[in-house]
């Protein structure tokens, strides 16, 4: 290997190491900022939520990533009370919804997060998606991707993104109030608690 080639590899290796260390520090910062004692049963989700927030919201500042992670943690409580394999909305047209943050089959298909098995009947498709509830990594990643889509649709308004996560109409507004109140209880220093 020539001197110039070694220099390029050295720089690339240094950049990779810096990215790993920087990413690790950000995960640690977000993780520490999502600690709470109101709902200790949510603790098993915290690291995965923080990693997915960093992955999906990679281009956001740390303070915004922390707020999104806190909102996702509060939504886990509102959606499933921390049930890691929750399955709901079985009779809904876009159902079922799976996982601790209840991502619907219709939304997962629309965002290309999941595709039904080839040739599956409607019942087989629903059953295959319901089985995804046992894949916690999928469920948390899907929720983060859905959250990003809702945040984009809300023009960057995090609190409107919470409402949009549940859909529209009066039920979504009630959901928004409940999720924001949960976040304020879990994280008294949150932005919502200040407003």
N, C-alpha and C. Protein backbone atom coordinates (compact mmCIF):
# COMPACT_ATOMS: atom_id res chain seq x y z
N UNK A 1 0.86 -1.17 0.00
CA UNK A 1 0.00 0.00 0.00
C UNK A 1 0.90 1.23 0.00
N UNK A 2 0.62 2.16 -0.87
CA UNK A 2 1.42 3.38 -0.99
C UNK A 2 1.08 4.34 0.14
N UNK A 3 1.96 5.31 0.36
CA UNK A 3 1.79 6.29 1.43
C UNK A 3 0.47 7.04 1.35
N UNK A 4 0.09 7.46 0.14
CA UNK A 4 -1.16 8.21 -0.03
C UNK A 4 -2.37 7.33 0.29
N UNK A 5 -2.28 6.05 -0.13
CA UNK A 5 -3.38 5.13 0.17
C UNK A 5 -3.53 4.92 1.67
N UNK A 6 -2.40 4.79 2.38
CA UNK A 6 -2.45 4.63 3.83
C UNK A 6 -3.09 5.84 4.48
N UNK A 7 -2.76 7.01 3.99
CA UNK A 7 -3.31 8.25 4.53
C UNK A 7 -4.84 8.27 4.38
N UNK A 8 -5.33 7.86 3.22
CA UNK A 8 -6.77 7.82 2.97
C UNK A 8 -7.43 6.83 3.92
N UNK A 9 -6.84 5.63 4.07
CA UNK A 9 -7.41 4.64 4.97
C UNK A 9 -7.37 5.11 6.42
N UNK A 10 -6.31 5.79 6.78
CA UNK A 10 -6.20 6.31 8.14
C UNK A 10 -7.30 7.33 8.40
N UNK A 11 -7.49 8.24 7.44
CA UNK A 11 -8.56 9.24 7.58
C UNK A 11 -9.94 8.58 7.65
N UNK A 12 -10.19 7.61 6.77
CA UNK A 12 -11.47 6.93 6.77
C UNK A 12 -11.70 6.21 8.10
N UNK A 13 -10.67 5.55 8.61
CA UNK A 13 -10.77 4.86 9.89
C UNK A 13 -11.04 5.83 11.03
N UNK A 14 -10.36 6.98 11.01
CA UNK A 14 -10.57 8.00 12.03
C UNK A 14 -11.98 8.56 11.98
N UNK A 15 -12.49 8.79 10.77
CA UNK A 15 -13.85 9.30 10.62
C UNK A 15 -14.87 8.28 11.13
N UNK A 16 -14.65 7.00 10.82
CA UNK A 16 -15.55 5.96 11.30
C UNK A 16 -15.53 5.88 12.82
N UNK A 17 -14.36 5.93 13.42
CA UNK A 17 -14.25 5.89 14.88
C UNK A 17 -14.96 7.10 15.50
N UNK A 18 -14.77 8.28 14.92
CA UNK A 18 -15.43 9.48 15.43
C UNK A 18 -16.95 9.34 15.36
N UNK A 19 -17.44 8.79 14.24
CA UNK A 19 -18.89 8.61 14.09
C UNK A 19 -19.43 7.63 15.12
N UNK A 20 -18.70 6.56 15.38
CA UNK A 20 -19.14 5.57 16.37
C UNK A 20 -19.17 6.21 17.75
N UNK A 21 -18.09 6.91 18.11
CA UNK A 21 -18.03 7.54 19.43
C UNK A 21 -19.09 8.62 19.58
N UNK A 22 -19.27 9.44 18.55
CA UNK A 22 -20.27 10.51 18.59
C UNK A 22 -21.67 9.91 18.72
N UNK A 23 -21.96 8.87 17.91
CA UNK A 23 -23.26 8.22 17.98
C UNK A 23 -23.49 7.59 19.33
N UNK A 24 -22.44 6.96 19.89
CA UNK A 24 -22.55 6.35 21.21
C UNK A 24 -22.85 7.38 22.28
N UNK A 25 -22.19 8.54 22.19
CA UNK A 25 -22.42 9.61 23.16
C UNK A 25 -23.86 10.13 23.03
N UNK A 26 -24.33 10.29 21.80
CA UNK A 26 -25.70 10.78 21.62
C UNK A 26 -26.71 9.78 22.18
N UNK A 27 -26.49 8.48 21.94
CA UNK A 27 -27.40 7.48 22.49
C UNK A 27 -27.39 7.58 24.01
N UNK A 28 -26.21 7.73 24.59
CA UNK A 28 -26.08 7.84 26.05
C UNK A 28 -26.83 9.08 26.55
N UNK A 29 -26.65 10.22 25.86
CA UNK A 29 -27.33 11.46 26.26
C UNK A 29 -28.85 11.30 26.20
N UNK A 30 -29.33 10.72 25.11
CA UNK A 30 -30.77 10.53 24.96
C UNK A 30 -31.27 9.52 26.00
N UNK A 31 -30.52 8.46 26.20
CA UNK A 31 -30.89 7.42 27.18
C UNK A 31 -31.01 8.02 28.57
N UNK A 32 -30.02 8.79 28.97
CA UNK A 32 -30.06 9.40 30.30
C UNK A 32 -31.23 10.38 30.44
N UNK A 33 -31.58 11.06 29.35
CA UNK A 33 -32.66 12.05 29.40
C UNK A 33 -34.05 11.42 29.37
N UNK A 34 -34.12 10.12 29.11
CA UNK A 34 -35.42 9.45 29.09
C UNK A 34 -35.66 8.61 30.34
N UNK A 35 -34.76 8.72 31.31
CA UNK A 35 -34.97 7.99 32.57
C UNK A 35 -36.18 8.60 33.28
N UNK A 36 -37.01 7.74 33.86
CA UNK A 36 -38.19 8.19 34.60
C UNK A 36 -38.57 7.09 35.56
N UNK A 37 -39.33 7.45 36.59
CA UNK A 37 -39.71 6.45 37.59
C UNK A 37 -41.22 6.28 37.72
N UNK A 38 -41.99 7.02 36.95
CA UNK A 38 -43.45 6.94 37.04
C UNK A 38 -43.95 5.58 36.55
N UNK A 39 -43.40 5.11 35.46
CA UNK A 39 -43.80 3.83 34.87
C UNK A 39 -42.56 2.96 34.67
N UNK A 40 -42.05 2.33 35.74
CA UNK A 40 -40.82 1.54 35.61
C UNK A 40 -40.95 0.37 34.64
N UNK A 41 -42.18 -0.06 34.37
CA UNK A 41 -42.37 -1.17 33.44
C UNK A 41 -41.99 -0.80 32.00
N UNK A 42 -41.76 0.48 31.74
CA UNK A 42 -41.33 0.92 30.41
C UNK A 42 -39.82 0.83 30.21
N UNK A 43 -39.08 0.58 31.26
CA UNK A 43 -37.62 0.55 31.19
C UNK A 43 -37.08 -0.38 30.09
N UNK A 44 -37.65 -1.56 29.88
CA UNK A 44 -37.11 -2.44 28.83
C UNK A 44 -37.15 -1.84 27.42
N UNK A 45 -37.94 -0.82 27.19
CA UNK A 45 -38.07 -0.22 25.86
C UNK A 45 -37.10 0.93 25.64
N UNK A 46 -36.56 1.48 26.72
CA UNK A 46 -35.86 2.76 26.65
C UNK A 46 -34.65 2.74 25.72
N UNK A 47 -33.78 1.77 25.83
CA UNK A 47 -32.58 1.76 24.98
C UNK A 47 -32.95 1.61 23.52
N UNK A 48 -33.89 0.72 23.21
CA UNK A 48 -34.29 0.53 21.82
C UNK A 48 -34.95 1.78 21.25
N UNK A 49 -35.79 2.44 22.02
CA UNK A 49 -36.41 3.70 21.58
C UNK A 49 -35.33 4.74 21.29
N UNK A 50 -34.36 4.87 22.19
CA UNK A 50 -33.30 5.86 22.00
C UNK A 50 -32.48 5.57 20.75
N UNK A 51 -32.14 4.31 20.54
CA UNK A 51 -31.37 3.95 19.34
C UNK A 51 -32.17 4.22 18.06
N UNK A 52 -33.45 3.90 18.07
CA UNK A 52 -34.26 4.13 16.87
C UNK A 52 -34.49 5.61 16.63
N UNK A 53 -34.63 6.39 17.68
CA UNK A 53 -34.77 7.84 17.50
C UNK A 53 -33.49 8.39 16.87
N UNK A 54 -32.36 7.94 17.35
CA UNK A 54 -31.09 8.41 16.78
C UNK A 54 -30.97 7.96 15.32
N UNK A 55 -31.42 6.76 15.02
CA UNK A 55 -31.33 6.23 13.66
C UNK A 55 -32.29 6.93 12.71
N UNK A 56 -33.54 7.08 13.10
CA UNK A 56 -34.56 7.63 12.21
C UNK A 56 -34.52 9.16 12.16
N UNK A 57 -34.16 9.79 13.29
CA UNK A 57 -34.10 11.25 13.37
C UNK A 57 -32.65 11.71 13.43
N UNK A 58 -31.80 11.07 12.64
CA UNK A 58 -30.36 11.32 12.65
C UNK A 58 -30.00 12.77 12.36
N UNK A 59 -30.85 13.47 11.63
CA UNK A 59 -30.55 14.83 11.21
C UNK A 59 -31.14 15.90 12.14
N UNK A 60 -31.66 15.49 13.29
CA UNK A 60 -32.21 16.42 14.27
C UNK A 60 -31.20 16.67 15.38
N UNK A 61 -31.32 17.80 16.06
CA UNK A 61 -30.44 18.11 17.18
C UNK A 61 -30.80 17.22 18.38
N UNK A 62 -29.89 17.12 19.32
CA UNK A 62 -30.07 16.22 20.46
C UNK A 62 -31.30 16.58 21.28
N UNK A 63 -31.55 17.86 21.52
CA UNK A 63 -32.71 18.26 22.33
C UNK A 63 -34.02 17.78 21.69
N UNK A 64 -34.12 17.89 20.38
CA UNK A 64 -35.32 17.42 19.68
C UNK A 64 -35.41 15.90 19.73
N UNK A 65 -34.28 15.23 19.57
CA UNK A 65 -34.28 13.76 19.67
C UNK A 65 -34.74 13.31 21.05
N UNK A 66 -34.30 14.00 22.09
CA UNK A 66 -34.72 13.67 23.45
C UNK A 66 -36.23 13.83 23.58
N UNK A 67 -36.76 14.94 23.09
CA UNK A 67 -38.20 15.18 23.19
C UNK A 67 -38.99 14.12 22.43
N UNK A 68 -38.52 13.73 21.25
CA UNK A 68 -39.20 12.69 20.48
C UNK A 68 -39.14 11.37 21.23
N UNK A 69 -37.99 11.02 21.78
CA UNK A 69 -37.86 9.78 22.55
C UNK A 69 -38.81 9.79 23.75
N UNK A 70 -38.91 10.91 24.43
CA UNK A 70 -39.82 11.01 25.57
C UNK A 70 -41.27 10.87 25.13
N UNK A 71 -41.62 11.47 24.01
CA UNK A 71 -42.98 11.33 23.50
C UNK A 71 -43.27 9.89 23.12
N UNK A 72 -42.32 9.22 22.47
CA UNK A 72 -42.51 7.81 22.13
C UNK A 72 -42.68 6.96 23.38
N UNK A 73 -41.88 7.23 24.41
CA UNK A 73 -42.01 6.48 25.66
C UNK A 73 -43.39 6.70 26.28
N UNK A 74 -43.87 7.94 26.23
CA UNK A 74 -45.21 8.20 26.79
C UNK A 74 -46.28 7.53 25.95
N UNK A 75 -46.08 7.46 24.65
CA UNK A 75 -47.05 6.80 23.79
C UNK A 75 -47.06 5.28 24.01
N UNK A 76 -45.93 4.72 24.38
CA UNK A 76 -45.92 3.29 24.72
C UNK A 76 -46.88 3.05 25.89
N UNK A 77 -46.85 3.95 26.87
CA UNK A 77 -47.75 3.79 28.01
C UNK A 77 -49.21 3.96 27.58
N UNK A 78 -49.49 4.99 26.81
CA UNK A 78 -50.86 5.26 26.39
C UNK A 78 -51.39 4.14 25.49
N UNK A 79 -50.56 3.67 24.57
CA UNK A 79 -51.02 2.66 23.60
C UNK A 79 -51.19 1.27 24.21
N UNK A 80 -50.24 0.84 25.07
CA UNK A 80 -50.25 -0.56 25.49
C UNK A 80 -49.93 -0.80 26.96
N UNK A 81 -49.69 0.28 27.71
CA UNK A 81 -49.24 0.15 29.11
C UNK A 81 -48.00 -0.73 29.20
N UNK A 82 -47.17 -0.65 28.17
CA UNK A 82 -45.91 -1.38 28.17
C UNK A 82 -45.99 -2.83 27.77
N UNK A 83 -47.07 -3.24 27.15
CA UNK A 83 -47.18 -4.63 26.68
C UNK A 83 -46.33 -4.78 25.41
N UNK A 84 -45.24 -5.54 25.47
CA UNK A 84 -44.35 -5.61 24.32
C UNK A 84 -44.94 -6.36 23.13
N UNK A 85 -45.97 -7.16 23.34
CA UNK A 85 -46.55 -7.94 22.24
C UNK A 85 -48.03 -7.61 22.04
N UNK A 86 -48.39 -6.37 22.31
CA UNK A 86 -49.79 -5.95 22.18
C UNK A 86 -50.27 -6.08 20.73
N UNK A 87 -51.48 -6.55 20.58
CA UNK A 87 -52.14 -6.61 19.28
C UNK A 87 -53.53 -6.02 19.48
N UNK A 88 -53.85 -5.00 18.70
CA UNK A 88 -55.14 -4.34 18.82
C UNK A 88 -55.74 -4.04 17.47
N UNK A 89 -56.87 -3.40 17.49
CA UNK A 89 -57.56 -2.97 16.26
C UNK A 89 -57.77 -4.13 15.27
N UNK A 90 -58.07 -5.29 15.81
CA UNK A 90 -58.23 -6.48 14.95
C UNK A 90 -59.33 -6.32 13.92
N UNK A 91 -60.38 -5.57 14.26
CA UNK A 91 -61.51 -5.43 13.34
C UNK A 91 -61.44 -4.16 12.49
N UNK A 92 -60.42 -3.34 12.71
CA UNK A 92 -60.28 -2.12 11.92
C UNK A 92 -59.85 -2.46 10.49
N UNK A 93 -60.29 -1.66 9.55
CA UNK A 93 -59.94 -1.90 8.14
C UNK A 93 -58.43 -1.94 7.92
N UNK A 94 -57.69 -1.13 8.67
CA UNK A 94 -56.23 -1.08 8.51
C UNK A 94 -55.51 -1.94 9.54
N UNK A 95 -56.28 -2.65 10.37
CA UNK A 95 -55.70 -3.46 11.45
C UNK A 95 -55.16 -4.78 10.97
N UNK A 96 -54.57 -5.47 11.89
CA UNK A 96 -54.38 -5.13 13.29
C UNK A 96 -53.26 -4.11 13.49
N UNK A 97 -53.15 -3.63 14.73
CA UNK A 97 -52.04 -2.78 15.15
C UNK A 97 -51.20 -3.62 16.09
N UNK A 98 -49.88 -3.50 15.97
CA UNK A 98 -49.00 -4.38 16.75
C UNK A 98 -47.95 -3.61 17.53
N UNK A 99 -47.50 -4.26 18.58
CA UNK A 99 -46.38 -3.76 19.37
C UNK A 99 -46.77 -2.76 20.43
N UNK A 100 -45.79 -2.34 21.20
CA UNK A 100 -46.07 -1.45 22.32
C UNK A 100 -46.56 -0.07 21.91
N UNK A 101 -46.28 0.34 20.66
CA UNK A 101 -46.75 1.65 20.20
C UNK A 101 -47.80 1.49 19.11
N UNK A 102 -48.30 0.28 18.92
CA UNK A 102 -49.44 0.01 18.06
C UNK A 102 -49.36 0.61 16.66
N UNK A 103 -48.51 0.06 15.83
CA UNK A 103 -48.41 0.47 14.43
C UNK A 103 -49.38 -0.39 13.62
N UNK A 104 -50.27 0.27 12.90
CA UNK A 104 -51.28 -0.48 12.14
C UNK A 104 -50.68 -1.11 10.89
N UNK A 105 -51.31 -2.18 10.47
CA UNK A 105 -50.90 -2.89 9.25
C UNK A 105 -50.99 -1.96 8.04
N UNK A 106 -52.06 -1.18 7.96
CA UNK A 106 -52.23 -0.27 6.83
C UNK A 106 -51.11 0.76 6.75
N UNK A 107 -50.75 1.32 7.89
CA UNK A 107 -49.66 2.31 7.92
C UNK A 107 -48.33 1.65 7.59
N UNK A 108 -48.10 0.46 8.13
CA UNK A 108 -46.85 -0.25 7.84
C UNK A 108 -46.73 -0.55 6.35
N UNK A 109 -47.84 -0.90 5.71
CA UNK A 109 -47.82 -1.14 4.27
C UNK A 109 -47.60 0.16 3.50
N UNK A 110 -48.33 1.22 3.90
CA UNK A 110 -48.21 2.50 3.20
C UNK A 110 -46.77 3.04 3.24
N UNK A 111 -46.11 2.85 4.37
CA UNK A 111 -44.74 3.37 4.52
C UNK A 111 -43.68 2.34 4.09
N UNK A 112 -44.16 1.24 3.52
CA UNK A 112 -43.28 0.18 3.02
C UNK A 112 -42.37 -0.41 4.11
N UNK A 113 -42.93 -0.49 5.31
CA UNK A 113 -42.22 -1.11 6.43
C UNK A 113 -42.49 -2.61 6.49
N UNK A 114 -43.57 -3.03 5.86
CA UNK A 114 -43.98 -4.43 5.88
C UNK A 114 -44.76 -4.73 4.62
N UNK A 115 -44.57 -5.93 4.09
CA UNK A 115 -45.33 -6.38 2.93
C UNK A 115 -45.95 -7.73 3.26
N UNK A 116 -47.21 -7.94 2.86
CA UNK A 116 -47.84 -9.23 3.15
C UNK A 116 -47.20 -10.35 2.34
N UNK A 117 -47.33 -11.56 2.83
CA UNK A 117 -46.82 -12.70 2.06
C UNK A 117 -47.51 -12.77 0.70
N UNK A 118 -46.77 -13.15 -0.32
CA UNK A 118 -47.33 -13.25 -1.67
C UNK A 118 -48.49 -14.24 -1.68
N UNK A 119 -49.59 -13.84 -2.29
CA UNK A 119 -50.74 -14.72 -2.43
C UNK A 119 -51.56 -14.91 -1.17
N UNK A 120 -51.28 -14.13 -0.12
CA UNK A 120 -52.02 -14.29 1.14
C UNK A 120 -53.44 -13.79 1.00
N UNK A 121 -54.36 -14.50 1.62
CA UNK A 121 -55.74 -14.03 1.70
C UNK A 121 -55.77 -12.88 2.71
N UNK A 122 -56.89 -12.18 2.78
CA UNK A 122 -57.01 -11.07 3.74
C UNK A 122 -56.79 -11.58 5.17
N UNK A 123 -57.35 -12.72 5.52
CA UNK A 123 -57.18 -13.28 6.86
C UNK A 123 -55.73 -13.69 7.11
N UNK A 124 -55.08 -14.26 6.12
CA UNK A 124 -53.67 -14.66 6.26
C UNK A 124 -52.78 -13.43 6.41
N UNK A 125 -53.12 -12.37 5.66
CA UNK A 125 -52.34 -11.13 5.77
C UNK A 125 -52.45 -10.56 7.17
N UNK A 126 -53.66 -10.51 7.71
CA UNK A 126 -53.86 -10.00 9.07
C UNK A 126 -53.11 -10.85 10.09
N UNK A 127 -53.17 -12.15 9.94
CA UNK A 127 -52.48 -13.05 10.87
C UNK A 127 -50.97 -12.88 10.78
N UNK A 128 -50.46 -12.74 9.56
CA UNK A 128 -49.01 -12.57 9.38
C UNK A 128 -48.55 -11.26 10.03
N UNK A 129 -49.35 -10.22 9.87
CA UNK A 129 -48.96 -8.95 10.49
C UNK A 129 -49.09 -9.02 12.01
N UNK A 130 -50.13 -9.65 12.51
CA UNK A 130 -50.31 -9.79 13.95
C UNK A 130 -49.11 -10.51 14.56
N UNK A 131 -48.53 -11.46 13.83
CA UNK A 131 -47.36 -12.19 14.32
C UNK A 131 -46.15 -11.27 14.47
N UNK A 132 -46.14 -10.14 13.80
CA UNK A 132 -45.03 -9.18 13.91
C UNK A 132 -44.97 -8.56 15.30
N UNK A 133 -46.02 -8.68 16.09
CA UNK A 133 -46.04 -8.12 17.44
C UNK A 133 -44.92 -8.69 18.30
N UNK A 134 -44.44 -9.87 17.97
CA UNK A 134 -43.37 -10.49 18.76
C UNK A 134 -41.99 -9.97 18.39
N UNK A 135 -41.90 -9.19 17.32
CA UNK A 135 -40.62 -8.63 16.88
C UNK A 135 -40.50 -7.19 17.39
N UNK A 136 -39.97 -7.05 18.61
CA UNK A 136 -39.91 -5.75 19.26
C UNK A 136 -39.08 -4.75 18.46
N UNK A 137 -37.98 -5.21 17.87
CA UNK A 137 -37.14 -4.30 17.06
C UNK A 137 -37.94 -3.73 15.89
N UNK A 138 -38.69 -4.59 15.20
CA UNK A 138 -39.53 -4.12 14.10
C UNK A 138 -40.54 -3.10 14.61
N UNK A 139 -41.22 -3.43 15.71
CA UNK A 139 -42.29 -2.58 16.22
C UNK A 139 -41.78 -1.18 16.61
N UNK A 140 -40.64 -1.12 17.30
CA UNK A 140 -40.10 0.18 17.71
C UNK A 140 -39.57 0.95 16.51
N UNK A 141 -38.90 0.26 15.59
CA UNK A 141 -38.41 0.93 14.38
C UNK A 141 -39.59 1.47 13.57
N UNK A 142 -40.61 0.64 13.39
CA UNK A 142 -41.78 1.07 12.62
C UNK A 142 -42.43 2.29 13.27
N UNK A 143 -42.55 2.27 14.59
CA UNK A 143 -43.16 3.42 15.28
C UNK A 143 -42.34 4.68 15.06
N UNK A 144 -41.03 4.57 15.10
CA UNK A 144 -40.18 5.75 14.87
C UNK A 144 -40.34 6.28 13.45
N UNK A 145 -40.41 5.38 12.48
CA UNK A 145 -40.60 5.80 11.08
C UNK A 145 -41.97 6.45 10.90
N UNK A 146 -43.00 5.86 11.50
CA UNK A 146 -44.34 6.45 11.44
C UNK A 146 -44.32 7.83 12.09
N UNK A 147 -43.67 7.92 13.23
CA UNK A 147 -43.58 9.20 13.94
C UNK A 147 -42.92 10.26 13.07
N UNK A 148 -41.87 9.87 12.36
CA UNK A 148 -41.19 10.84 11.48
C UNK A 148 -42.15 11.29 10.38
N UNK A 149 -42.90 10.37 9.82
CA UNK A 149 -43.86 10.73 8.77
C UNK A 149 -44.92 11.68 9.31
N UNK A 150 -45.39 11.42 10.53
CA UNK A 150 -46.40 12.29 11.14
C UNK A 150 -45.81 13.66 11.47
N UNK A 151 -44.56 13.68 11.92
CA UNK A 151 -43.89 14.95 12.21
C UNK A 151 -43.73 15.77 10.93
N UNK A 152 -43.36 15.11 9.85
CA UNK A 152 -43.25 15.82 8.57
C UNK A 152 -44.60 16.36 8.13
N UNK A 153 -45.65 15.55 8.28
CA UNK A 153 -47.00 15.99 7.90
C UNK A 153 -47.47 17.16 8.78
N UNK A 154 -46.97 17.20 10.03
CA UNK A 154 -47.36 18.27 10.96
C UNK A 154 -46.46 19.50 10.82
N UNK A 155 -45.62 19.52 9.80
CA UNK A 155 -44.75 20.67 9.58
C UNK A 155 -43.75 20.89 10.70
N UNK A 156 -43.36 19.81 11.38
CA UNK A 156 -42.37 19.91 12.45
C UNK A 156 -42.96 20.15 13.84
N UNK A 157 -44.26 20.25 13.95
CA UNK A 157 -44.92 20.46 15.24
C UNK A 157 -45.04 19.11 15.96
N UNK A 158 -44.20 18.90 16.98
CA UNK A 158 -44.16 17.60 17.66
C UNK A 158 -45.49 17.25 18.32
N UNK A 159 -46.16 18.23 18.86
CA UNK A 159 -47.40 17.94 19.58
C UNK A 159 -48.53 17.61 18.61
N UNK A 160 -48.52 18.22 17.43
CA UNK A 160 -49.49 17.84 16.42
C UNK A 160 -49.14 16.46 15.85
N UNK A 161 -47.86 16.12 15.81
CA UNK A 161 -47.45 14.79 15.35
C UNK A 161 -48.02 13.71 16.27
N UNK A 162 -48.07 13.99 17.57
CA UNK A 162 -48.67 13.04 18.52
C UNK A 162 -50.13 12.80 18.14
N UNK A 163 -50.86 13.87 17.86
CA UNK A 163 -52.27 13.74 17.47
C UNK A 163 -52.39 12.94 16.18
N UNK A 164 -51.58 13.27 15.22
CA UNK A 164 -51.63 12.61 13.92
C UNK A 164 -51.29 11.12 14.02
N UNK A 165 -50.45 10.76 14.99
CA UNK A 165 -50.09 9.36 15.18
C UNK A 165 -51.34 8.51 15.40
N UNK A 166 -52.35 9.10 16.03
CA UNK A 166 -53.58 8.38 16.33
C UNK A 166 -54.64 8.57 15.25
N UNK A 167 -54.37 9.37 14.26
CA UNK A 167 -55.35 9.60 13.20
C UNK A 167 -55.88 11.01 13.22
N UNK A 168 -57.18 11.15 13.10
CA UNK A 168 -57.79 12.48 13.07
C UNK A 168 -59.08 12.50 13.88
N UNK A 169 -59.68 13.66 13.93
CA UNK A 169 -60.95 13.81 14.62
C UNK A 169 -60.83 13.94 16.12
N UNK A 170 -61.96 13.93 16.81
CA UNK A 170 -61.98 14.14 18.26
C UNK A 170 -61.19 13.09 19.03
N UNK A 171 -61.24 11.82 18.60
CA UNK A 171 -60.50 10.76 19.31
C UNK A 171 -59.00 11.03 19.28
N UNK A 172 -58.50 11.55 18.18
CA UNK A 172 -57.07 11.85 18.08
C UNK A 172 -56.68 13.01 18.99
N UNK A 173 -57.56 13.98 19.15
CA UNK A 173 -57.29 15.09 20.07
C UNK A 173 -57.28 14.62 21.52
N UNK A 174 -58.18 13.71 21.85
CA UNK A 174 -58.21 13.14 23.21
C UNK A 174 -56.93 12.34 23.44
N UNK A 175 -56.52 11.57 22.43
CA UNK A 175 -55.28 10.80 22.50
C UNK A 175 -54.09 11.73 22.72
N UNK A 176 -54.04 12.83 21.97
CA UNK A 176 -52.96 13.80 22.09
C UNK A 176 -52.89 14.33 23.52
N UNK A 177 -54.03 14.73 24.07
CA UNK A 177 -54.05 15.25 25.45
C UNK A 177 -53.54 14.20 26.44
N UNK A 178 -53.96 12.97 26.25
CA UNK A 178 -53.55 11.89 27.16
C UNK A 178 -52.05 11.63 27.04
N UNK A 179 -51.53 11.57 25.82
CA UNK A 179 -50.09 11.31 25.62
C UNK A 179 -49.24 12.46 26.17
N UNK A 180 -49.67 13.70 25.96
CA UNK A 180 -48.90 14.84 26.47
C UNK A 180 -48.97 14.91 27.99
N UNK A 181 -50.12 14.58 28.57
CA UNK A 181 -50.22 14.55 30.03
C UNK A 181 -49.34 13.44 30.61
N UNK A 182 -49.29 12.32 29.93
CA UNK A 182 -48.42 11.21 30.36
C UNK A 182 -46.97 11.64 30.29
N UNK A 183 -46.60 12.29 29.19
CA UNK A 183 -45.21 12.77 29.07
C UNK A 183 -44.89 13.76 30.19
N UNK A 184 -45.79 14.68 30.47
CA UNK A 184 -45.55 15.67 31.53
C UNK A 184 -45.40 15.00 32.89
N UNK A 185 -46.16 13.94 33.14
CA UNK A 185 -46.03 13.21 34.41
C UNK A 185 -44.73 12.43 34.48
N UNK A 186 -44.34 11.84 33.36
CA UNK A 186 -43.11 11.04 33.33
C UNK A 186 -41.86 11.91 33.35
N UNK A 187 -41.94 13.04 32.71
CA UNK A 187 -40.78 13.94 32.55
C UNK A 187 -41.20 15.36 32.92
N UNK A 188 -41.21 15.69 34.20
CA UNK A 188 -41.68 17.02 34.61
C UNK A 188 -40.90 18.18 33.99
N UNK A 189 -39.69 17.93 33.51
CA UNK A 189 -38.90 18.99 32.89
C UNK A 189 -39.12 19.05 31.38
N UNK A 190 -40.09 18.29 30.85
CA UNK A 190 -40.33 18.27 29.41
C UNK A 190 -40.87 19.61 28.91
N UNK A 191 -40.74 19.82 27.62
CA UNK A 191 -41.23 21.07 27.02
C UNK A 191 -42.72 21.22 27.25
N UNK A 192 -43.46 20.11 27.22
CA UNK A 192 -44.91 20.18 27.41
C UNK A 192 -45.24 20.69 28.81
N UNK A 193 -44.44 20.29 29.80
CA UNK A 193 -44.70 20.73 31.17
C UNK A 193 -44.48 22.22 31.33
N UNK A 194 -43.64 22.79 30.45
CA UNK A 194 -43.33 24.22 30.53
C UNK A 194 -44.42 25.07 29.91
N UNK A 195 -45.21 24.50 28.99
CA UNK A 195 -46.19 25.32 28.27
C UNK A 195 -47.52 25.36 28.98
